[in-house]
Protein backbone atom coordinates (compact mmCIF):
# COMPACT_ATOMS: atom_id res chain seq x y z
CA MET A 1 17.23 38.68 0.14
CA PRO A 2 16.16 38.40 3.82
CA TYR A 3 12.58 37.22 4.20
CA PHE A 4 11.01 38.74 7.33
CA ASP A 5 7.36 37.77 6.74
CA ALA A 6 7.15 34.31 8.31
CA ALA A 7 3.87 35.19 10.08
CA SER A 8 2.20 35.34 6.67
CA THR A 9 3.84 32.21 5.30
CA ALA A 10 6.97 30.51 6.60
CA PRO A 11 9.50 29.23 4.05
CA LEU A 12 9.04 25.56 3.25
CA HIS A 13 10.98 23.55 5.83
CA PRO A 14 13.60 21.15 4.38
CA VAL A 15 11.88 18.25 6.17
CA ALA A 16 8.59 19.20 4.51
CA ARG A 17 10.25 19.18 1.11
CA GLN A 18 11.79 15.74 1.70
CA ALA A 19 8.56 14.27 3.06
CA LEU A 20 6.51 15.73 0.20
CA LEU A 21 8.75 14.26 -2.47
CA ALA A 22 8.74 10.85 -0.78
CA ALA A 23 4.97 10.88 -0.29
CA LEU A 24 4.41 11.79 -3.95
CA ASP A 25 5.95 8.42 -4.79
CA ASP A 26 4.30 6.36 -2.06
CA GLY A 27 1.12 8.22 -1.10
CA TRP A 28 -0.50 9.16 -4.39
CA ALA A 29 -3.25 6.55 -4.31
CA ASP A 30 -6.72 6.82 -2.76
CA PRO A 31 -6.37 6.05 0.98
CA ALA A 32 -9.98 4.82 1.06
CA ARG A 33 -9.20 1.89 -1.28
CA LEU A 34 -8.24 -1.61 -0.14
CA HIS A 35 -5.60 -2.40 -2.76
CA ARG A 36 -1.88 -2.28 -1.99
CA GLU A 37 -1.37 1.30 -3.18
CA GLY A 38 -4.43 2.49 -1.25
CA ARG A 39 -3.28 0.75 1.94
CA ARG A 40 0.15 2.37 1.60
CA ALA A 41 -1.45 5.81 1.29
CA ARG A 42 -3.70 5.06 4.28
CA LEU A 43 -0.69 4.13 6.41
CA LEU A 44 0.97 7.43 5.55
CA LEU A 45 -2.22 9.38 6.29
CA ASP A 46 -2.71 7.64 9.63
CA ALA A 47 0.90 8.22 10.63
CA ALA A 48 0.61 11.91 9.73
CA ARG A 49 -2.57 12.19 11.80
CA GLU A 50 -0.89 10.61 14.81
CA ALA A 51 2.11 12.94 14.52
CA ALA A 52 -0.08 16.02 14.20
CA ALA A 53 -2.33 14.95 17.07
CA GLU A 54 0.72 14.46 19.31
CA ALA A 55 1.88 17.99 18.49
CA VAL A 56 -1.57 19.45 19.11
CA GLY A 57 -2.14 17.48 22.29
CA CYS A 58 -5.26 15.56 21.28
CA ARG A 59 -6.26 12.05 20.21
CA PRO A 60 -5.75 11.09 16.55
CA ASP A 61 -9.47 10.41 16.14
CA GLU A 62 -10.19 13.98 17.30
CA LEU A 63 -8.19 15.54 14.46
CA VAL A 64 -9.08 16.01 10.80
CA PHE A 65 -7.20 17.63 7.94
CA THR A 66 -8.81 20.42 5.93
CA SER A 67 -7.91 22.32 2.77
CA SER A 68 -6.63 25.38 4.72
CA GLY A 69 -6.50 27.03 8.11
CA THR A 70 -9.36 29.30 7.07
CA ARG A 71 -11.47 26.29 6.16
CA ALA A 72 -10.62 24.71 9.53
CA LEU A 73 -11.82 27.84 11.36
CA HIS A 74 -15.00 28.13 9.29
CA THR A 75 -15.77 24.43 9.75
CA GLY A 76 -15.06 24.51 13.48
CA LEU A 77 -17.14 27.63 14.02
CA ALA A 78 -20.12 26.53 11.92
CA GLY A 79 -20.11 22.95 13.18
CA SER A 80 -19.94 23.93 16.84
CA LEU A 81 -22.66 26.58 16.50
CA ALA A 82 -24.89 24.08 14.71
CA GLY A 83 -24.22 21.38 17.28
CA ARG A 84 -25.21 23.67 20.14
CA ARG A 85 -28.18 25.35 18.49
CA ARG A 86 -30.49 24.21 21.28
CA THR A 87 -28.33 26.05 23.82
CA GLY A 88 -28.57 29.33 21.94
CA ARG A 89 -27.16 31.38 19.11
CA HIS A 90 -24.80 33.70 20.96
CA LEU A 91 -21.15 33.77 19.85
CA VAL A 92 -18.27 35.40 21.74
CA VAL A 93 -15.05 36.43 19.96
CA SER A 94 -12.17 38.73 20.79
CA SER A 95 -11.93 41.98 18.85
CA VAL A 96 -8.53 40.99 17.40
CA GLU A 97 -9.38 37.57 15.97
CA HIS A 98 -8.20 36.64 12.50
CA SER A 99 -10.50 37.84 9.74
CA ALA A 100 -11.54 34.22 9.07
CA VAL A 101 -13.21 34.12 12.49
CA LEU A 102 -14.69 37.61 12.19
CA HIS A 103 -16.11 36.81 8.74
CA GLY A 104 -17.69 33.69 10.21
CA ALA A 105 -19.13 35.81 13.01
CA GLU A 106 -20.58 38.26 10.47
CA LEU A 107 -22.30 35.41 8.64
CA HIS A 108 -23.65 34.03 11.91
CA GLU A 109 -25.06 37.44 12.77
CA ALA A 110 -26.58 37.84 9.30
CA GLN A 111 -28.35 34.50 9.81
CA GLY A 112 -29.99 35.68 13.02
CA GLY A 113 -27.34 34.92 15.63
CA THR A 114 -25.83 37.38 18.07
CA VAL A 115 -22.14 38.22 18.51
CA THR A 116 -20.21 39.84 21.37
CA GLU A 117 -16.69 41.15 20.73
CA VAL A 118 -14.50 41.16 23.83
CA PRO A 119 -12.21 44.23 23.86
CA VAL A 120 -8.44 44.10 24.32
CA ASP A 121 -5.98 46.37 26.11
CA ARG A 122 -3.30 48.45 24.36
CA THR A 123 -1.03 45.40 24.15
CA GLY A 124 -3.68 43.44 22.26
CA ALA A 125 -4.55 41.03 25.08
CA VAL A 126 -7.99 40.15 26.43
CA ARG A 127 -8.71 39.82 30.16
CA ALA A 128 -10.10 36.45 31.22
CA GLN A 129 -12.55 38.21 33.53
CA ALA A 130 -13.90 40.35 30.68
CA PHE A 131 -14.20 37.26 28.52
CA GLY A 132 -16.13 35.49 31.25
CA GLU A 133 -18.47 38.45 31.67
CA SER A 134 -19.39 38.16 27.98
CA LEU A 135 -20.62 34.57 28.36
CA ARG A 136 -24.37 34.12 28.70
CA ALA A 137 -26.82 31.29 29.23
CA ASP A 138 -27.41 31.20 25.46
CA THR A 139 -23.73 31.31 24.47
CA ALA A 140 -23.08 28.48 22.04
CA LEU A 141 -19.36 29.08 21.37
CA ALA A 142 -16.42 31.29 22.28
CA CYS A 143 -13.38 31.94 20.05
CA LEU A 144 -9.91 33.12 21.04
CA GLN A 145 -6.63 33.08 19.16
CA SER A 146 -3.62 31.68 21.00
CA ALA A 147 -1.44 34.57 19.79
CA ASN A 148 -2.15 37.55 17.60
CA HIS A 149 -1.08 37.35 13.96
CA GLU A 150 -0.27 41.06 13.62
CA VAL A 151 1.45 42.06 16.86
CA GLY A 152 2.45 38.70 18.38
CA THR A 153 0.74 39.16 21.75
CA VAL A 154 0.05 35.82 23.46
CA GLN A 155 -3.47 35.49 24.81
CA PRO A 156 -4.36 34.01 28.23
CA VAL A 157 -5.92 30.93 26.63
CA GLU A 158 -5.52 28.70 29.68
CA GLU A 159 -7.37 31.16 31.94
CA VAL A 160 -10.08 31.83 29.35
CA ALA A 161 -10.54 28.09 28.73
CA ALA A 162 -11.07 27.57 32.46
CA VAL A 163 -13.69 30.34 32.54
CA CYS A 164 -15.45 28.86 29.50
CA ARG A 165 -15.41 25.35 30.93
CA ALA A 166 -16.93 26.60 34.19
CA ALA A 167 -19.70 28.21 32.15
CA GLY A 168 -20.20 25.10 30.00
CA VAL A 169 -19.18 26.91 26.81
CA PRO A 170 -16.78 25.30 24.29
CA LEU A 171 -13.73 27.35 23.30
CA LEU A 172 -12.39 27.36 19.72
CA VAL A 173 -8.71 28.34 19.60
CA ASP A 174 -7.01 29.67 16.47
CA ALA A 175 -3.48 28.34 16.99
CA ALA A 176 -2.12 29.17 13.53
CA GLN A 177 0.63 31.50 14.75
CA SER A 178 1.69 29.64 17.89
CA LEU A 179 1.51 25.91 17.14
CA ALA A 180 5.07 25.79 15.83
CA TRP A 181 6.31 26.91 19.26
CA GLY A 182 4.42 24.45 21.45
CA PRO A 183 1.01 23.00 22.31
CA VAL A 184 -1.77 25.33 23.38
CA PRO A 185 -2.33 25.05 27.14
CA GLY A 186 -5.69 24.76 28.85
CA ALA A 187 -8.94 22.87 28.46
CA TRP A 188 -9.85 24.15 24.99
CA SER A 189 -12.58 22.35 23.06
CA LEU A 190 -11.67 22.97 19.41
CA LEU A 191 -8.41 24.03 17.77
CA ALA A 192 -7.53 25.10 14.23
CA ALA A 193 -4.18 25.70 12.52
CA SER A 194 -2.56 26.05 9.10
CA ALA A 195 0.53 24.23 7.83
CA HIS A 196 2.00 27.09 5.79
CA LYS A 197 2.43 29.07 9.02
CA TRP A 198 4.99 26.58 10.39
CA GLY A 199 6.87 25.72 7.19
CA GLY A 200 4.57 23.08 5.79
CA PRO A 201 3.03 23.25 2.31
CA PRO A 202 0.08 25.56 1.67
CA GLY A 203 -3.35 24.00 1.28
CA VAL A 204 -3.32 21.97 4.51
CA GLY A 205 -5.16 22.92 7.66
CA LEU A 206 -6.09 20.94 10.71
CA LEU A 207 -9.09 20.95 13.02
CA ALA A 208 -9.22 19.20 16.39
CA VAL A 209 -12.59 18.65 18.07
CA ARG A 210 -12.43 17.13 21.56
CA LYS A 211 -14.60 14.15 22.34
CA GLY A 212 -17.81 15.24 23.99
CA VAL A 213 -18.05 18.56 22.14
CA ARG A 214 -21.38 18.86 20.35
CA PHE A 215 -20.55 19.23 16.68
CA ALA A 216 -22.78 19.06 13.59
CA PRO A 217 -20.90 19.49 10.30
CA GLU A 218 -22.64 21.93 7.98
CA GLY A 219 -23.13 21.29 4.29
CA PRO A 220 -23.34 18.00 2.38
CA ARG A 221 -21.93 15.03 4.28
CA ASP A 222 -18.75 13.33 3.09
CA GLU A 223 -17.44 9.92 4.10
CA ARG A 224 -13.87 11.25 4.41
CA GLU A 225 -12.25 12.82 7.48
CA SER A 226 -15.04 11.70 9.83
CA GLY A 227 -17.51 13.69 7.75
CA ARG A 228 -15.99 16.96 8.94
CA ALA A 229 -13.84 17.89 5.94
CA ALA A 230 -15.27 17.10 2.53
CA GLY A 231 -13.06 16.18 -0.39
CA TYR A 232 -10.18 13.98 -1.34
CA GLU A 233 -7.26 14.04 1.10
CA ASN A 234 -4.02 15.48 -0.28
CA VAL A 235 -1.93 12.76 1.34
CA PRO A 236 1.53 13.97 0.17
CA ALA A 237 0.87 17.51 1.43
CA ILE A 238 -0.59 16.23 4.70
CA VAL A 239 2.45 14.01 5.27
CA ALA A 240 4.76 16.99 4.62
CA ALA A 241 2.70 19.18 6.97
CA ALA A 242 2.90 16.69 9.83
CA ALA A 243 6.61 16.02 9.27
CA SER A 244 7.45 19.72 9.27
CA LEU A 245 5.37 20.36 12.40
CA ARG A 246 7.30 17.68 14.24
CA ALA A 247 10.57 19.14 12.92
CA VAL A 248 9.90 22.75 13.94
CA ARG A 249 8.76 21.60 17.36
CA SER A 250 12.05 19.78 17.87
CA GLU A 251 13.91 22.96 16.89
CA ALA A 252 11.75 25.37 18.93
CA ALA A 253 13.81 25.13 22.11
CA ALA A 254 16.88 26.38 20.24
CA GLN A 255 15.25 28.72 17.73
CA GLY A 256 12.86 30.43 20.15
CA PRO A 257 15.41 32.11 22.44
CA ARG A 258 17.63 33.05 19.51
CA LEU A 259 14.82 34.71 17.56
CA ARG A 260 13.51 36.41 20.70
CA GLU A 261 16.93 38.01 21.22
CA LEU A 262 16.87 39.29 17.64
CA THR A 263 13.33 40.68 17.86
CA ASP A 264 14.12 42.22 21.26
CA ARG A 265 17.07 43.94 19.59
CA ILE A 266 14.80 45.36 16.90
CA ARG A 267 12.20 46.46 19.48
CA THR A 268 14.89 48.33 21.41
CA ARG A 269 16.86 49.80 18.52
CA VAL A 270 14.09 50.98 16.18
CA PRO A 271 12.89 53.81 18.50
CA GLU A 272 16.52 54.85 18.96
CA LEU A 273 17.24 54.93 15.24
CA VAL A 274 13.95 56.30 13.88
CA PRO A 275 12.15 59.26 15.45
CA ASP A 276 8.40 59.16 16.05
CA VAL A 277 7.97 55.40 16.23
CA GLN A 278 5.53 53.42 18.36
CA VAL A 279 6.37 49.75 19.04
CA VAL A 280 3.12 47.88 19.67
CA GLY A 281 2.16 44.58 21.28
CA ASP A 282 3.12 43.05 24.60
CA PRO A 283 6.92 43.27 25.09
CA VAL A 284 7.04 40.08 27.18
CA ARG A 285 3.97 37.87 26.53
CA ARG A 286 4.55 37.57 22.81
CA LEU A 287 5.70 35.14 20.16
CA PRO A 288 9.50 34.95 19.92
CA HIS A 289 9.77 35.71 16.20
CA LEU A 290 7.31 38.56 15.67
CA LEU A 291 7.20 42.30 16.39
CA THR A 292 5.33 45.30 15.02
CA PHE A 293 6.00 49.03 15.03
CA SER A 294 4.28 52.06 13.49
CA CYS A 295 5.98 55.17 12.12
CA LEU A 296 4.40 58.61 12.20
CA TYR A 297 4.10 60.51 8.89
CA VAL A 298 4.66 57.37 6.83
CA ASP A 299 2.54 55.56 4.25
CA GLY A 300 2.81 51.88 5.17
CA GLU A 301 2.59 50.65 1.59
CA ALA A 302 5.28 53.09 0.45
CA LEU A 303 7.57 52.01 3.29
CA LEU A 304 7.11 48.33 2.41
CA HIS A 305 8.10 49.06 -1.19
CA GLU A 306 11.12 51.04 0.00
CA LEU A 307 12.26 48.15 2.19
CA ASP A 308 11.60 45.68 -0.62
CA ARG A 309 13.89 47.68 -2.90
CA ALA A 310 16.51 47.50 -0.14
CA GLY A 311 16.18 43.71 -0.09
CA PHE A 312 13.84 43.10 2.87
CA SER A 313 10.45 41.38 2.72
CA VAL A 314 8.15 42.55 5.53
CA SER A 315 4.40 43.10 5.85
CA SER A 316 2.05 45.70 7.25
CA GLY A 317 -1.30 45.95 9.00
CA SER A 318 -1.47 49.61 8.05
CA SER A 319 -4.52 51.18 6.47
CA CYS A 320 -2.33 53.09 4.02
CA THR A 321 -2.77 50.88 0.98
CA SER A 322 -4.45 51.42 -2.31
CA SER A 323 -6.78 48.46 -1.71
CA THR A 324 -8.49 49.59 1.50
CA LEU A 325 -9.64 52.75 3.24
CA THR A 326 -9.95 51.18 6.70
CA PRO A 327 -7.16 50.60 9.22
CA SER A 328 -6.23 47.19 10.55
CA HIS A 329 -8.99 45.97 12.88
CA VAL A 330 -6.31 44.72 15.28
CA LEU A 331 -4.62 48.12 15.60
CA VAL A 332 -8.01 49.82 15.90
CA ALA A 333 -9.05 47.49 18.72
CA MET A 334 -5.76 48.19 20.51
CA GLY A 335 -6.12 51.95 20.06
CA VAL A 336 -2.58 52.36 18.75
CA LEU A 337 -1.06 54.18 15.79
CA SER A 338 -1.95 52.52 12.49
CA GLU A 339 0.00 54.60 9.97
CA GLY A 340 3.38 53.42 8.73
CA ASN A 341 2.84 50.01 10.30
CA VAL A 342 5.55 47.36 9.78
CA ARG A 343 5.36 43.74 10.92
CA VAL A 344 8.66 41.88 11.13
CA SER A 345 8.39 38.10 11.58
CA LEU A 346 11.65 36.17 11.45
CA PRO A 347 11.79 32.61 10.11
CA PRO A 348 14.01 30.04 11.83
CA GLY A 349 17.62 30.41 10.76
CA THR A 350 17.50 34.21 10.43
CA ARG A 351 21.05 35.54 10.61
CA GLU A 352 22.18 38.21 13.04
CA GLU A 353 23.89 40.14 10.25
CA ASP A 354 20.61 40.36 8.33
CA VAL A 355 18.91 41.93 11.34
CA GLU A 356 21.76 44.42 11.71
CA ARG A 357 21.51 45.33 8.04
CA PHE A 358 17.75 45.82 8.42
CA LEU A 359 18.39 48.22 11.30
CA ALA A 360 20.86 50.11 9.10
CA VAL A 361 18.47 50.32 6.14
CA LEU A 362 15.27 51.20 8.03
CA PRO A 363 16.10 54.81 9.03
CA ARG A 364 16.96 55.74 5.45
CA ALA A 365 13.80 54.07 4.14
CA VAL A 366 11.56 55.90 6.63
CA ALA A 367 13.30 59.22 5.93
CA ALA A 368 12.83 58.77 2.18
CA VAL A 369 9.10 58.12 2.53
CA ARG A 370 8.64 61.04 4.92
CA GLU A 371 10.46 63.36 2.55
CA ARG A 372 8.25 62.33 -0.37
CA LEU A 373 5.14 62.91 1.73
CA GLY A 374 6.29 66.31 2.96
CA ALA A 375 6.42 65.34 6.63
CA PRO A 376 7.30 68.17 9.05
CA ASP A 377 10.97 68.53 9.98
CA SER A 378 10.81 71.88 11.78
CA PRO A 379 8.27 73.76 13.95
CA ALA A 380 5.72 75.98 12.27
CA ALA A 381 6.06 79.75 12.54
CA PRO A 382 4.33 81.13 15.65
CA SER A 383 0.83 82.48 15.14
CA ARG A 384 -1.58 84.49 17.25
CA GLN A 385 -4.51 82.48 16.03
CA GLY A 386 -6.17 80.53 18.85
CA SER A 387 -7.82 78.10 16.47
CA LEU A 388 -6.95 76.68 13.06
CA VAL A 389 -8.87 74.47 10.65
CA VAL A 390 -6.91 72.05 8.45
CA ASP A 391 -8.80 70.59 5.49
CA THR A 392 -7.51 67.14 4.49
CA LEU A 393 -10.74 65.88 2.91
CA GLY A 394 -10.09 63.40 0.14
CA ARG A 395 -6.55 62.69 1.34
CA LEU A 396 -5.54 59.40 2.92
CA CYS A 397 -3.37 58.44 5.88
CA PRO A 398 -0.83 59.68 6.85
CA VAL A 399 -1.65 63.09 5.34
CA PRO A 400 -4.12 64.22 8.05
CA VAL A 401 -1.53 63.69 10.78
CA ILE A 402 1.25 65.26 8.71
CA GLU A 403 -0.81 68.41 8.15
CA LEU A 404 -1.72 68.53 11.86
CA ALA A 405 1.94 68.25 12.85
CA LYS A 406 2.88 71.05 10.46
CA VAL A 407 0.58 73.62 12.10
CA ILE A 408 0.35 72.64 15.77
CA ASP A 409 3.41 74.67 16.80
CA GLY A 410 1.93 77.72 15.14
CA VAL A 411 -1.03 77.68 17.55
CA PRO A 412 -0.57 79.25 21.02
CA VAL A 413 -0.67 76.92 24.03
CA GLY A 414 -4.33 76.34 24.80
CA GLY A 415 -5.36 76.93 21.18
CA THR A 416 -6.92 74.25 19.01
CA VAL A 417 -6.48 72.70 15.59
CA THR A 418 -9.47 71.13 13.86
CA VAL A 419 -8.59 68.54 11.24
CA LEU A 420 -11.26 67.79 8.64
CA SER A 421 -10.87 64.28 7.26
CA ASP A 422 -12.92 61.57 5.57
CA ASP A 423 -10.22 58.92 6.05
CA GLU A 424 -11.28 56.25 8.57
CA ALA A 425 -7.68 55.92 9.79
CA ALA A 426 -7.75 59.50 11.12
CA ARG A 427 -10.14 58.39 13.88
CA LEU A 428 -7.33 56.25 15.26
CA ASP A 429 -4.19 58.05 14.19
CA ILE A 430 -4.98 61.57 15.41
CA PRO A 431 -5.62 60.45 19.04
CA ALA A 432 -2.51 58.26 18.84
CA TRP A 433 -0.46 61.22 17.58
CA CYS A 434 -1.74 63.35 20.49
CA ALA A 435 -0.67 60.69 23.00
CA MET A 436 2.79 60.46 21.44
CA ARG A 437 3.18 64.24 21.24
CA GLY A 438 1.75 65.20 24.62
CA GLN A 439 -1.18 67.14 23.15
CA GLU A 440 -4.85 66.91 24.13
CA TYR A 441 -7.28 65.11 21.89
CA VAL A 442 -10.51 67.02 22.50
CA GLY A 443 -12.72 64.76 20.42
CA GLU A 444 -14.57 64.14 17.21
CA GLU A 445 -17.37 66.27 15.80
CA PRO A 446 -19.68 65.91 12.80
CA ALA A 447 -18.88 67.92 9.67
CA ASP A 448 -20.53 68.57 6.31
CA ARG A 449 -18.13 66.01 4.85
CA GLY A 450 -16.21 63.45 6.85
CA ARG A 451 -15.48 64.25 10.49
CA ALA A 452 -13.82 67.09 12.41
CA TYR A 453 -11.06 66.05 14.85
CA VAL A 454 -10.20 68.69 17.45
CA VAL A 455 -6.76 68.85 19.09
CA ARG A 456 -5.69 71.32 21.81
CA ARG A 457 -2.04 72.32 22.09
CA LEU A 458 -0.65 71.71 25.57
CA THR A 459 3.09 72.10 25.04
């Protein structure tokens, strides 16, 4: 069964498995102890730290291991903000950061700090100039991912780091998605990553803090990991994480171009094979293994189940799930279609024939979901009405857009359709549908329940 969800968790790399098994035999003891077994574990831990630091591009004494990538981000964010409290309490983040960073920003704001979110363009990228304009005299920290976890767009970290350095503001980089493909360029100050993203074992993160960066660890102090990561080190898992990072880096030069060719093929073929699809993210400045597209008139969760039954494991940033009523914050920030969203992220070793089979299966899967949802397949009967109201209150994405599409052709050119909806995704998906269909999105109006979205027929 092809696994196309490496951006969530990459399959365990064979080198990680070998290193883990070996370290379970030799690195089980407490590395803080002076006896023979403890010294052996300490040697393994130190070697892993050196290997990871080399991959990151920092000194070994600047890097600590944490219990996860999320913990690394939370520790880096809190410690840097605390260390620069005298400077101020202003935090700058991009609008498409991982939820771990945004949750940390929410907590900072709840505790009296201020937060500025830097917007992104429709590809999901920030502009270094806009980032610089968000920095203030009281800015304590700025955060920027190296590449987006949902759409794969690579951020201009080097340019942003230069802007931050000129302003005297440290930059925390979330490198979870990109570290397997190479070191993060630029004069960043802090960097966080997670081993399960590159084929290491889960439960290992890393945090690098450059010398000279003001940093005050929050919470009770611990004598381990320079006082920056409390708790007993999982030496076998850390050894496996470092070994697999070194392994994937050595393979990146060969795997990168091959996976990019496969994802480029999917980016090109999907709009040809499936009608009403929007491929999102930067087509060039992106990670080689990851792409995302959204399908009109499709429930993302239903499509994922359909593909799973066909033997393909993918993921979605779509709002159309039973667990949430809000669309992906990344897709919202980009202003692109959120419904029927599919993220394909290929692990190293993905076969060409699996990609071709995915392209053969996808059209049938989308068609099946659209049929179940009653998506329009023919124009509506002409009508003399200059204005229609479509009530979709209480119905979730993609129903509001489906009902809009069913009636738009029945309205004369220049007429309007007002869609009543209380689904948050409609605020994003109706304008996106208008852009794809060449219709005019007039705007949003208050209603007794939910909101009223007005669309004018142009063609």
